[in-house]
Amino acid sequence: MTATVVWYPAWWWVPLAGFVLFDLSALGYLRSPAIGAWYYNGIHNYTGPALAAAAALVIAPAPAQEGLSTVLALIACSWAFHVGVDRMLGFGLKYFDAFTHTHLGRIGRT
């Protein structure tokens, strides 16, 4: 995040917005625990950030796509950071029975 502010000061909001927006995937829990887990797990793993980073690297040599490459790289970094912080806080991938049942164990009060 610090590198973004130093190299692209006008884009300071991209990692912050990305960090918050990825949690919108939990809105699936309003429908059912299974749908919520499916959406949450789809966003909260490292596949998406890896694909975004790979896309940024593939299009980086094209001078006309420099801005898109930078945006993809910022999204990939903020996405991976978000997943890592969630894991650090104990919010693992969800099982389909409840939000509090994760691959890292139960979260919240028992």
PDB file of N, CA and C in Angstrom:
ATOM      1  N   MET A   1       0.829  -1.183   0.000  1.00  0.00           N
ATOM      2  CA  MET A   1       0.000   0.000   0.000  1.00  0.00           C
ATOM      3  C   MET A   1       0.873   1.246   0.000  1.00  0.00           C
ATOM      4  N   THR A   2       1.990   1.216   0.707  1.00  0.00           N
ATOM      5  CA  THR A   2       2.880   2.371   0.747  1.00  0.00           C
ATOM      6  C   THR A   2       3.438   2.663  -0.640  1.00  0.00           C
ATOM      7  N   ALA A   3       3.787   1.601  -1.388  1.00  0.00           N
ATOM      8  CA  ALA A   3       4.322   1.798  -2.730  1.00  0.00           C
ATOM      9  C   ALA A   3       3.309   2.484  -3.628  1.00  0.00           C
ATOM     10  N   THR A   4       2.047   2.178  -3.462  1.00  0.00           N
ATOM     11  CA  THR A   4       1.008   2.826  -4.265  1.00  0.00           C
ATOM     12  C   THR A   4       0.989   4.319  -4.004  1.00  0.00           C
ATOM     13  N   VAL A   5       1.062   4.715  -2.757  1.00  0.00           N
ATOM     14  CA  VAL A   5       1.021   6.130  -2.404  1.00  0.00           C
ATOM     15  C   VAL A   5       2.263   6.849  -2.932  1.00  0.00           C
ATOM     16  N   VAL A   6       3.414   6.172  -2.925  1.00  0.00           N
ATOM     17  CA  VAL A   6       4.648   6.801  -3.391  1.00  0.00           C
ATOM     18  C   VAL A   6       4.679   6.887  -4.919  1.00  0.00           C
ATOM     19  N   TRP A   7       4.373   5.787  -5.606  1.00  0.00           N
ATOM     20  CA  TRP A   7       4.507   5.747  -7.067  1.00  0.00           C
ATOM     21  C   TRP A   7       3.289   6.302  -7.800  1.00  0.00           C
ATOM     22  N   TYR A   8       2.105   6.096  -7.237  1.00  0.00           N
ATOM     23  CA  TYR A   8       0.868   6.556  -7.872  1.00  0.00           C
ATOM     24  C   TYR A   8       0.001   7.268  -6.837  1.00  0.00           C
ATOM     25  N   PRO A   9       0.398   8.452  -6.403  1.00  0.00           N
ATOM     26  CA  PRO A   9      -0.326   9.117  -5.311  1.00  0.00           C
ATOM     27  C   PRO A   9      -1.797   9.386  -5.622  1.00  0.00           C
ATOM     28  N   ALA A  10      -2.159   9.555  -6.869  1.00  0.00           N
ATOM     29  CA  ALA A  10      -3.564   9.808  -7.198  1.00  0.00           C
ATOM     30  C   ALA A  10      -4.415   8.547  -7.040  1.00  0.00           C
ATOM     31  N   TRP A  11      -3.779   7.386  -6.948  1.00  0.00           N
ATOM     32  CA  TRP A  11      -4.509   6.119  -6.847  1.00  0.00           C
ATOM     33  C   TRP A  11      -4.471   5.563  -5.432  1.00  0.00           C
ATOM     34  N   TRP A  12      -4.276   6.400  -4.433  1.00  0.00           N
ATOM     35  CA  TRP A  12      -4.175   5.934  -3.050  1.00  0.00           C
ATOM     36  C   TRP A  12      -5.412   5.158  -2.633  1.00  0.00           C
ATOM     37  N   TRP A  13      -6.557   5.458  -3.213  1.00  0.00           N
ATOM     38  CA  TRP A  13      -7.829   4.874  -2.812  1.00  0.00           C
ATOM     39  C   TRP A  13      -8.045   3.466  -3.371  1.00  0.00           C
ATOM     40  N   VAL A  14      -7.299   3.054  -4.402  1.00  0.00           N
ATOM     41  CA  VAL A  14      -7.539   1.751  -5.036  1.00  0.00           C
ATOM     42  C   VAL A  14      -7.294   0.594  -4.067  1.00  0.00           C
ATOM     43  N   PRO A  15      -6.160   0.508  -3.374  1.00  0.00           N
ATOM     44  CA  PRO A  15      -5.985  -0.608  -2.431  1.00  0.00           C
ATOM     45  C   PRO A  15      -6.982  -0.557  -1.272  1.00  0.00           C
ATOM     46  N   LEU A  16      -7.307   0.636  -0.817  1.00  0.00           N
ATOM     47  CA  LEU A  16      -8.272   0.771   0.282  1.00  0.00           C
ATOM     48  C   LEU A  16      -9.662   0.305  -0.156  1.00  0.00           C
ATOM     49  N   ALA A  17     -10.104   0.741  -1.317  1.00  0.00           N
ATOM     50  CA  ALA A  17     -11.410   0.330  -1.831  1.00  0.00           C
ATOM     51  C   ALA A  17     -11.439  -1.171  -2.085  1.00  0.00           C
ATOM     52  N   GLY A  18     -10.370  -1.678  -2.659  1.00  0.00           N
ATOM     53  CA  GLY A  18     -10.300  -3.116  -2.904  1.00  0.00           C
ATOM     54  C   GLY A  18     -10.348  -3.907  -1.617  1.00  0.00           C
ATOM     55  N   PHE A  19      -9.668  -3.418  -0.625  1.00  0.00           N
ATOM     56  CA  PHE A  19      -9.631  -4.124   0.659  1.00  0.00           C
ATOM     57  C   PHE A  19     -11.032  -4.238   1.245  1.00  0.00           C
ATOM     58  N   VAL A  20     -11.841  -3.209   1.087  1.00  0.00           N
ATOM     59  CA  VAL A  20     -13.199  -3.213   1.635  1.00  0.00           C
ATOM     60  C   VAL A  20     -14.175  -3.933   0.708  1.00  0.00           C
ATOM     61  N   LEU A  21     -14.053  -3.731  -0.589  1.00  0.00           N
ATOM     62  CA  LEU A  21     -15.016  -4.281  -1.539  1.00  0.00           C
ATOM     63  C   LEU A  21     -15.020  -5.812  -1.589  1.00  0.00           C
ATOM     64  N   PHE A  22     -13.898  -6.433  -1.312  1.00  0.00           N
ATOM     65  CA  PHE A  22     -13.857  -7.893  -1.371  1.00  0.00           C
ATOM     66  C   PHE A  22     -14.758  -8.531  -0.317  1.00  0.00           C
ATOM     67  N   ASP A  23     -15.047  -7.825   0.746  1.00  0.00           N
ATOM     68  CA  ASP A  23     -15.938  -8.373   1.773  1.00  0.00           C
ATOM     69  C   ASP A  23     -17.407  -8.325   1.373  1.00  0.00           C
ATOM     70  N   LEU A  24     -17.729  -7.657   0.287  1.00  0.00           N
ATOM     71  CA  LEU A  24     -19.108  -7.672  -0.194  1.00  0.00           C
ATOM     72  C   LEU A  24     -19.540  -9.076  -0.617  1.00  0.00           C
ATOM     73  N   SER A  25     -18.577  -9.951  -0.820  1.00  0.00           N
ATOM     74  CA  SER A  25     -18.917 -11.335  -1.168  1.00  0.00           C
ATOM     75  C   SER A  25     -19.680 -12.027  -0.044  1.00  0.00           C
ATOM     76  N   ALA A  26     -19.574 -11.524   1.168  1.00  0.00           N
ATOM     77  CA  ALA A  26     -20.294 -12.114   2.302  1.00  0.00           C
ATOM     78  C   ALA A  26     -21.790 -11.797   2.255  1.00  0.00           C
ATOM     79  N   LEU A  27     -22.214 -10.926   1.356  1.00  0.00           N
ATOM     80  CA  LEU A  27     -23.636 -10.616   1.245  1.00  0.00           C
ATOM     81  C   LEU A  27     -24.452 -11.832   0.803  1.00  0.00           C
ATOM     82  N   GLY A  28     -23.806 -12.826   0.242  1.00  0.00           N
ATOM     83  CA  GLY A  28     -24.506 -14.051  -0.123  1.00  0.00           C
ATOM     84  C   GLY A  28     -25.118 -14.747   1.073  1.00  0.00           C
ATOM     85  N   TYR A  29     -24.613 -14.465   2.250  1.00  0.00           N
ATOM     86  CA  TYR A  29     -25.172 -15.064   3.464  1.00  0.00           C
ATOM     87  C   TYR A  29     -26.583 -14.550   3.754  1.00  0.00           C
ATOM     88  N   LEU A  30     -26.977 -13.458   3.143  1.00  0.00           N
ATOM     89  CA  LEU A  30     -28.347 -12.989   3.292  1.00  0.00           C
ATOM     90  C   LEU A  30     -29.326 -13.962   2.636  1.00  0.00           C
ATOM     91  N   ARG A  31     -28.859 -14.673   1.639  1.00  0.00           N
ATOM     92  CA  ARG A  31     -29.698 -15.649   0.935  1.00  0.00           C
ATOM     93  C   ARG A  31     -29.709 -16.992   1.659  1.00  0.00           C
ATOM     94  N   SER A  32     -28.501 -17.532   1.918  1.00  0.00           N
ATOM     95  CA  SER A  32     -28.378 -18.805   2.638  1.00  0.00           C
ATOM     96  C   SER A  32     -26.918 -19.022   2.994  1.00  0.00           C
ATOM     97  N   PRO A  33     -26.633 -19.871   3.993  1.00  0.00           N
ATOM     98  CA  PRO A  33     -25.240 -20.154   4.340  1.00  0.00           C
ATOM     99  C   PRO A  33     -24.466 -20.804   3.191  1.00  0.00           C
ATOM    100  N   ALA A  34     -25.116 -21.648   2.419  1.00  0.00           N
ATOM    101  CA  ALA A  34     -24.417 -22.324   1.321  1.00  0.00           C
ATOM    102  C   ALA A  34     -24.035 -21.339   0.219  1.00  0.00           C
ATOM    103  N   ILE A  35     -24.947 -20.465  -0.161  1.00  0.00           N
ATOM    104  CA  ILE A  35     -24.646 -19.468  -1.191  1.00  0.00           C
ATOM    105  C   ILE A  35     -23.612 -18.474  -0.673  1.00  0.00           C
ATOM    106  N   GLY A  36     -23.744 -18.064   0.577  1.00  0.00           N
ATOM    107  CA  GLY A  36     -22.760 -17.161   1.169  1.00  0.00           C
ATOM    108  C   GLY A  36     -21.369 -17.762   1.179  1.00  0.00           C
ATOM    109  N   ALA A  37     -21.270 -19.033   1.558  1.00  0.00           N
ATOM    110  CA  ALA A  37     -19.965 -19.704   1.576  1.00  0.00           C
ATOM    111  C   ALA A  37     -19.391 -19.810   0.171  1.00  0.00           C
ATOM    112  N   TRP A  38     -20.249 -20.086  -0.796  1.00  0.00           N
ATOM    113  CA  TRP A  38     -19.786 -20.223  -2.172  1.00  0.00           C
ATOM    114  C   TRP A  38     -19.199 -18.906  -2.675  1.00  0.00           C
ATOM    115  N   TYR A  39     -19.917 -17.790  -2.469  1.00  0.00           N
ATOM    116  CA  TYR A  39     -19.410 -16.478  -2.880  1.00  0.00           C
ATOM    117  C   TYR A  39     -18.155 -16.096  -2.101  1.00  0.00           C
ATOM    118  N   TYR A  40     -18.215 -16.267  -0.789  1.00  0.00           N
ATOM    119  CA  TYR A  40     -17.092 -15.880   0.067  1.00  0.00           C
ATOM    120  C   TYR A  40     -15.826 -16.647  -0.328  1.00  0.00           C
ATOM    121  N   ASN A  41     -15.962 -17.962  -0.477  1.00  0.00           N
ATOM    122  CA  ASN A  41     -14.799 -18.783  -0.824  1.00  0.00           C
ATOM    123  C   ASN A  41     -14.278 -18.477  -2.222  1.00  0.00           C
ATOM    124  N   GLY A  42     -15.179 -18.086  -3.113  1.00  0.00           N
ATOM    125  CA  GLY A  42     -14.746 -17.732  -4.464  1.00  0.00           C
ATOM    126  C   GLY A  42     -13.858 -16.504  -4.498  1.00  0.00           C
ATOM    127  N   ILE A  43     -14.083 -15.587  -3.587  1.00  0.00           N
ATOM    128  CA  ILE A  43     -13.293 -14.355  -3.533  1.00  0.00           C
ATOM    129  C   ILE A  43     -12.106 -14.481  -2.583  1.00  0.00           C
ATOM    130  N   HIS A  44     -12.257 -15.210  -1.494  1.00  0.00           N
ATOM    131  CA  HIS A  44     -11.240 -15.242  -0.444  1.00  0.00           C
ATOM    132  C   HIS A  44     -10.274 -16.415  -0.589  1.00  0.00           C
ATOM    133  N   ASN A  45      -9.696 -16.539  -1.770  1.00  0.00           N
ATOM    134  CA  ASN A  45      -8.595 -17.470  -1.984  1.00  0.00           C
ATOM    135  C   ASN A  45      -7.594 -16.773  -2.899  1.00  0.00           C
ATOM    136  N   TYR A  46      -6.457 -17.379  -3.124  1.00  0.00           N
ATOM    137  CA  TYR A  46      -5.392 -16.701  -3.867  1.00  0.00           C
ATOM    138  C   TYR A  46      -5.449 -16.915  -5.379  1.00  0.00           C
ATOM    139  N   THR A  47      -6.462 -17.599  -5.886  1.00  0.00           N
ATOM    140  CA  THR A  47      -6.569 -17.824  -7.327  1.00  0.00           C
ATOM    141  C   THR A  47      -6.818 -16.519  -8.073  1.00  0.00           C
ATOM    142  N   GLY A  48      -7.770 -15.735  -7.600  1.00  0.00           N
ATOM    143  CA  GLY A  48      -8.082 -14.455  -8.247  1.00  0.00           C
ATOM    144  C   GLY A  48      -6.902 -13.497  -8.293  1.00  0.00           C
ATOM    145  N   PRO A  49      -6.227 -13.267  -7.155  1.00  0.00           N
ATOM    146  CA  PRO A  49      -5.062 -12.381  -7.204  1.00  0.00           C
ATOM    147  C   PRO A  49      -3.957 -12.902  -8.128  1.00  0.00           C
ATOM    148  N   ALA A  50      -3.773 -14.219  -8.163  1.00  0.00           N
ATOM    149  CA  ALA A  50      -2.744 -14.784  -9.040  1.00  0.00           C
ATOM    150  C   ALA A  50      -3.095 -14.553 -10.503  1.00  0.00           C
ATOM    151  N   LEU A  51      -4.362 -14.727 -10.860  1.00  0.00           N
ATOM    152  CA  LEU A  51      -4.789 -14.492 -12.240  1.00  0.00           C
ATOM    153  C   LEU A  51      -4.677 -13.014 -12.613  1.00  0.00           C
ATOM    154  N   ALA A  52      -5.049 -12.130 -11.691  1.00  0.00           N
ATOM    155  CA  ALA A  52      -4.932 -10.686 -11.951  1.00  0.00           C
ATOM    156  C   ALA A  52      -3.465 -10.279 -12.120  1.00  0.00           C
ATOM    157  N   ALA A  53      -2.591 -10.830 -11.287  1.00  0.00           N
ATOM    158  CA  ALA A  53      -1.157 -10.523 -11.403  1.00  0.00           C
ATOM    159  C   ALA A  53      -0.589 -11.068 -12.710  1.00  0.00           C
ATOM    160  N   ALA A  54      -0.995 -12.284 -13.090  1.00  0.00           N
ATOM    161  CA  ALA A  54      -0.523 -12.859 -14.349  1.00  0.00           C
ATOM    162  C   ALA A  54      -0.990 -12.023 -15.536  1.00  0.00           C
ATOM    163  N   ALA A  55      -2.233 -11.563 -15.487  1.00  0.00           N
ATOM    164  CA  ALA A  55      -2.745 -10.711 -16.566  1.00  0.00           C
ATOM    165  C   ALA A  55      -1.970  -9.397 -16.631  1.00  0.00           C
ATOM    166  N   ALA A  56      -1.654  -8.837 -15.476  1.00  0.00           N
ATOM    167  CA  ALA A  56      -0.875  -7.587 -15.447  1.00  0.00           C
ATOM    168  C   ALA A  56       0.500  -7.792 -16.067  1.00  0.00           C
ATOM    169  N   LEU A  57       1.123  -8.928 -15.782  1.00  0.00           N
ATOM    170  CA  LEU A  57       2.445  -9.201 -16.340  1.00  0.00           C
ATOM    171  C   LEU A  57       2.393  -9.465 -17.844  1.00  0.00           C
ATOM    172  N   VAL A  58       1.334 -10.116 -18.295  1.00  0.00           N
ATOM    173  CA  VAL A  58       1.218 -10.435 -19.723  1.00  0.00           C
ATOM    174  C   VAL A  58       1.021  -9.167 -20.552  1.00  0.00           C
ATOM    175  N   ILE A  59       0.207  -8.238 -20.061  1.00  0.00           N
ATOM    176  CA  ILE A  59      -0.055  -7.034 -20.853  1.00  0.00           C
ATOM    177  C   ILE A  59       0.903  -5.890 -20.554  1.00  0.00           C
ATOM    178  N   ALA A  60       1.798  -6.072 -19.596  1.00  0.00           N
ATOM    179  CA  ALA A  60       2.733  -4.999 -19.219  1.00  0.00           C
ATOM    180  C   ALA A  60       3.635  -4.538 -20.367  1.00  0.00           C
ATOM    181  N   PRO A  61       4.132  -5.443 -21.230  1.00  0.00           N
ATOM    182  CA  PRO A  61       5.017  -4.958 -22.303  1.00  0.00           C
ATOM    183  C   PRO A  61       4.334  -4.056 -23.330  1.00  0.00           C
ATOM    184  N   ALA A  62       3.018  -4.109 -23.428  1.00  0.00           N
ATOM    185  CA  ALA A  62       2.311  -3.269 -24.397  1.00  0.00           C
ATOM    186  C   ALA A  62       2.206  -1.838 -23.870  1.00  0.00           C
ATOM    187  N   PRO A  63       2.881  -0.885 -24.507  1.00  0.00           N
ATOM    188  CA  PRO A  63       2.856   0.495 -24.008  1.00  0.00           C
ATOM    189  C   PRO A  63       1.449   1.087 -23.922  1.00  0.00           C
ATOM    190  N   ALA A  64       0.573   0.698 -24.813  1.00  0.00           N
ATOM    191  CA  ALA A  64      -0.786   1.243 -24.808  1.00  0.00           C
ATOM    192  C   ALA A  64      -1.613   0.734 -23.635  1.00  0.00           C
ATOM    193  N   GLN A  65      -1.174  -0.351 -23.006  1.00  0.00           N
ATOM    194  CA  GLN A  65      -1.924  -0.962 -21.905  1.00  0.00           C
ATOM    195  C   GLN A  65      -1.266  -0.752 -20.548  1.00  0.00           C
ATOM    196  N   GLU A  66      -0.369   0.202 -20.444  1.00  0.00           N
ATOM    197  CA  GLU A  66       0.358   0.418 -19.193  1.00  0.00           C
ATOM    198  C   GLU A  66      -0.581   0.728 -18.023  1.00  0.00           C
ATOM    199  N   GLY A  67      -1.576   1.557 -18.247  1.00  0.00           N
ATOM    200  CA  GLY A  67      -2.509   1.908 -17.177  1.00  0.00           C
ATOM    201  C   GLY A  67      -3.307   0.705 -16.710  1.00  0.00           C
ATOM    202  N   LEU A  68      -3.786  -0.103 -17.647  1.00  0.00           N
ATOM    203  CA  LEU A  68      -4.543  -1.301 -17.294  1.00  0.00           C
ATOM    204  C   LEU A  68      -3.669  -2.288 -16.537  1.00  0.00           C
ATOM    205  N   SER A  69      -2.433  -2.430 -16.966  1.00  0.00           N
ATOM    206  CA  SER A  69      -1.506  -3.322 -16.283  1.00  0.00           C
ATOM    207  C   SER A  69      -1.270  -2.873 -14.848  1.00  0.00           C
ATOM    208  N   THR A  70      -1.136  -1.581 -14.643  1.00  0.00           N
ATOM    209  CA  THR A  70      -0.928  -1.042 -13.299  1.00  0.00           C
ATOM    210  C   THR A  70      -2.152  -1.264 -12.421  1.00  0.00           C
ATOM    211  N   VAL A  71      -3.330  -1.034 -12.969  1.00  0.00           N
ATOM    212  CA  VAL A  71      -4.558  -1.241 -12.204  1.00  0.00           C
ATOM    213  C   VAL A  71      -4.703  -2.711 -11.826  1.00  0.00           C
ATOM    214  N   LEU A  72      -4.446  -3.616 -12.765  1.00  0.00           N
ATOM    215  CA  LEU A  72      -4.526  -5.045 -12.463  1.00  0.00           C
ATOM    216  C   LEU A  72      -3.524  -5.441 -11.381  1.00  0.00           C
ATOM    217  N   ALA A  73      -2.334  -4.878 -11.439  1.00  0.00           N
ATOM    218  CA  ALA A  73      -1.322  -5.180 -10.423  1.00  0.00           C
ATOM    219  C   ALA A  73      -1.763  -4.667  -9.048  1.00  0.00           C
ATOM    220  N   LEU A  74      -2.341  -3.479  -9.002  1.00  0.00           N
ATOM    221  CA  LEU A  74      -2.837  -2.942  -7.730  1.00  0.00           C
ATOM    222  C   LEU A  74      -3.984  -3.781  -7.177  1.00  0.00           C
ATOM    223  N   ILE A  75      -4.875  -4.204  -8.050  1.00  0.00           N
ATOM    224  CA  ILE A  75      -5.975  -5.061  -7.615  1.00  0.00           C
ATOM    225  C   ILE A  75      -5.443  -6.378  -7.084  1.00  0.00           C
ATOM    226  N   ALA A  76      -4.491  -6.966  -7.791  1.00  0.00           N
ATOM    227  CA  ALA A  76      -3.916  -8.239  -7.354  1.00  0.00           C
ATOM    228  C   ALA A  76      -3.255  -8.106  -5.985  1.00  0.00           C
ATOM    229  N   CYS A  77      -2.508  -7.030  -5.782  1.00  0.00           N
ATOM    230  CA  CYS A  77      -1.826  -6.838  -4.497  1.00  0.00           C
ATOM    231  C   CYS A  77      -2.814  -6.595  -3.360  1.00  0.00           C
ATOM    232  N   SER A  78      -3.803  -5.743  -3.588  1.00  0.00           N
ATOM    233  CA  SER A  78      -4.753  -5.472  -2.515  1.00  0.00           C
ATOM    234  C   SER A  78      -5.624  -6.692  -2.234  1.00  0.00           C
ATOM    235  N   TRP A  79      -5.942  -7.461  -3.262  1.00  0.00           N
ATOM    236  CA  TRP A  79      -6.737  -8.672  -3.093  1.00  0.00           C
ATOM    237  C   TRP A  79      -5.968  -9.708  -2.282  1.00  0.00           C
ATOM    238  N   ALA A  80      -4.708  -9.941  -2.647  1.00  0.00           N
ATOM    239  CA  ALA A  80      -3.883 -10.903  -1.904  1.00  0.00           C
ATOM    240  C   ALA A  80      -3.667 -10.435  -0.464  1.00  0.00           C
ATOM    241  N   PHE A  81      -3.476  -9.142  -0.279  1.00  0.00           N
ATOM    242  CA  PHE A  81      -3.317  -8.600   1.069  1.00  0.00           C
ATOM    243  C   PHE A  81      -4.584  -8.825   1.887  1.00  0.00           C
ATOM    244  N   HIS A  82      -5.741  -8.602   1.279  1.00  0.00           N
ATOM    245  CA  HIS A  82      -7.008  -8.816   1.956  1.00  0.00           C
ATOM    246  C   HIS A  82      -7.161 -10.272   2.394  1.00  0.00           C
ATOM    247  N   VAL A  83      -6.875 -11.196   1.498  1.00  0.00           N
ATOM    248  CA  VAL A  83      -6.982 -12.619   1.837  1.00  0.00           C
ATOM    249  C   VAL A  83      -6.025 -12.960   2.976  1.00  0.00           C
ATOM    250  N   GLY A  84      -4.815 -12.447   2.914  1.00  0.00           N
ATOM    251  CA  GLY A  84      -3.834 -12.713   3.967  1.00  0.00           C
ATOM    252  C   GLY A  84      -4.251 -12.160   5.320  1.00  0.00           C
ATOM    253  N   VAL A  85      -4.794 -10.951   5.337  1.00  0.00           N
ATOM    254  CA  VAL A  85      -5.248 -10.362   6.602  1.00  0.00           C
ATOM    255  C   VAL A  85      -6.417 -11.167   7.165  1.00  0.00           C
ATOM    256  N   ASP A  86      -7.329 -11.578   6.289  1.00  0.00           N
ATOM    257  CA  ASP A  86      -8.443 -12.413   6.763  1.00  0.00           C
ATOM    258  C   ASP A  86      -7.936 -13.709   7.388  1.00  0.00           C
ATOM    259  N   ARG A  87      -6.948 -14.341   6.765  1.00  0.00           N
ATOM    260  CA  ARG A  87      -6.391 -15.580   7.325  1.00  0.00           C
ATOM    261  C   ARG A  87      -5.717 -15.306   8.666  1.00  0.00           C
ATOM    262  N   MET A  88      -4.998 -14.198   8.744  1.00  0.00           N
ATOM    263  CA  MET A  88      -4.312 -13.841   9.981  1.00  0.00           C
ATOM    264  C   MET A  88      -5.308 -13.626  11.119  1.00  0.00           C
ATOM    265  N   LEU A  89      -6.474 -13.075  10.794  1.00  0.00           N
ATOM    266  CA  LEU A  89      -7.503 -12.819  11.801  1.00  0.00           C
ATOM    267  C   LEU A  89      -8.357 -14.050  12.099  1.00  0.00           C
ATOM    268  N   GLY A  90      -8.099 -15.147  11.404  1.00  0.00           N
ATOM    269  CA  GLY A  90      -8.819 -16.385  11.663  1.00  0.00           C
ATOM    270  C   GLY A  90     -10.025 -16.624  10.789  1.00  0.00           C
ATOM    271  N   PHE A  91     -10.256 -15.747   9.804  1.00  0.00           N
ATOM    272  CA  PHE A  91     -11.383 -15.926   8.890  1.00  0.00           C
ATOM    273  C   PHE A  91     -10.941 -16.787   7.718  1.00  0.00           C
ATOM    274  N   GLY A  92     -11.099 -18.075   7.864  1.00  0.00           N
ATOM    275  CA  GLY A  92     -10.699 -18.984   6.805  1.00  0.00           C
ATOM    276  C   GLY A  92     -11.804 -19.195   5.801  1.00  0.00           C
ATOM    277  N   LEU A  93     -11.567 -20.139   4.899  1.00  0.00           N
ATOM    278  CA  LEU A  93     -12.591 -20.515   3.934  1.00  0.00           C
ATOM    279  C   LEU A  93     -13.767 -21.129   4.674  1.00  0.00           C
ATOM    280  N   LYS A  94     -14.954 -20.827   4.215  1.00  0.00           N
ATOM    281  CA  LYS A  94     -16.166 -21.206   4.952  1.00  0.00           C
ATOM    282  C   LYS A  94     -16.691 -22.571   4.520  1.00  0.00           C
ATOM    283  N   TYR A  95     -17.222 -23.292   5.493  1.00  0.00           N
ATOM    284  CA  TYR A  95     -18.001 -24.490   5.191  1.00  0.00           C
ATOM    285  C   TYR A  95     -19.425 -24.047   4.911  1.00  0.00           C
ATOM    286  N   PHE A  96     -20.208 -24.922   4.325  1.00  0.00           N
ATOM    287  CA  PHE A  96     -21.527 -24.532   3.841  1.00  0.00           C
ATOM    288  C   PHE A  96     -22.628 -24.524   4.898  1.00  0.00           C
ATOM    289  N   ASP A  97     -22.288 -24.825   6.141  1.00  0.00           N
ATOM    290  CA  ASP A  97     -23.333 -24.872   7.173  1.00  0.00           C
ATOM    291  C   ASP A  97     -23.496 -23.559   7.942  1.00  0.00           C
ATOM    292  N   ALA A  98     -22.410 -22.794   8.106  1.00  0.00           N
ATOM    293  CA  ALA A  98     -22.494 -21.547   8.867  1.00  0.00           C
ATOM    294  C   ALA A  98     -21.280 -20.670   8.585  1.00  0.00           C
ATOM    295  N   PHE A  99     -21.464 -19.353   8.717  1.00  0.00           N
ATOM    296  CA  PHE A  99     -20.367 -18.409   8.512  1.00  0.00           C
ATOM    297  C   PHE A  99     -19.231 -18.657   9.502  1.00  0.00           C
ATOM    298  N   THR A 100     -19.566 -19.078  10.699  1.00  0.00           N
ATOM    299  CA  THR A 100     -18.568 -19.241  11.756  1.00  0.00           C
ATOM    300  C   THR A 100     -17.770 -20.536  11.634  1.00  0.00           C
ATOM    301  N   HIS A 101     -18.115 -21.428  10.729  1.00  0.00           N
ATOM    302  CA  HIS A 101     -17.423 -22.704  10.567  1.00  0.00           C
ATOM    303  C   HIS A 101     -16.443 -22.583   9.402  1.00  0.00           C
ATOM    304  N   THR A 102     -15.143 -22.458   9.736  1.00  0.00           N
ATOM    305  CA  THR A 102     -14.123 -22.253   8.711  1.00  0.00           C
ATOM    306  C   THR A 102     -13.100 -23.385   8.726  1.00  0.00           C
ATOM    307  N   HIS A 103     -12.277 -23.414   7.699  1.00  0.00           N
ATOM    308  CA  HIS A 103     -11.233 -24.430   7.637  1.00  0.00           C
ATOM    309  C   HIS A 103     -10.141 -24.193   8.690  1.00  0.00           C
ATOM    310  N   LEU A 104     -10.155 -23.036   9.311  1.00  0.00           N
ATOM    311  CA  LEU A 104      -9.207 -22.736  10.385  1.00  0.00           C
ATOM    312  C   LEU A 104      -9.807 -23.005  11.766  1.00  0.00           C
ATOM    313  N   GLY A 105     -11.052 -23.428  11.799  1.00  0.00           N
ATOM    314  CA  GLY A 105     -11.745 -23.673  13.060  1.00  0.00           C
ATOM    315  C   GLY A 105     -12.942 -22.741  13.185  1.00  0.00           C
ATOM    316  N   ARG A 106     -13.597 -22.801  14.305  1.00  0.00           N
ATOM    317  CA  ARG A 106     -14.765 -21.943  14.562  1.00  0.00           C
ATOM    318  C   ARG A 106     -14.307 -20.540  14.918  1.00  0.00           C
ATOM    319  N   ILE A 107     -15.068 -19.556  14.474  1.00  0.00           N
ATOM    320  CA  ILE A 107     -14.789 -18.170  14.821  1.00  0.00           C
ATOM    321  C   ILE A 107     -15.950 -17.621  15.627  1.00  0.00           C
ATOM    322  N   GLY A 108     -15.705 -16.596  16.400  1.00  0.00           N
ATOM    323  CA  GLY A 108     -16.759 -15.978  17.200  1.00  0.00           C
ATOM    324  C   GLY A 108     -16.934 -16.675  18.523  1.00  0.00           C
ATOM    325  N   ARG A 109     -17.992 -16.313  19.214  1.00  0.00           N
ATOM    326  CA  ARG A 109     -18.279 -16.883  20.531  1.00  0.00           C
ATOM    327  C   ARG A 109     -18.891 -18.249  20.364  1.00  0.00           C
ATOM    328  N   THR A 110     -18.553 -19.133  21.266  1.00  0.00           N
ATOM    329  CA  THR A 110     -19.120 -20.496  21.211  1.00  0.00           C
ATOM    330  C   THR A 110     -20.299 -20.633  22.132  1.00  0.00           C
TER     331      THR A 110
END
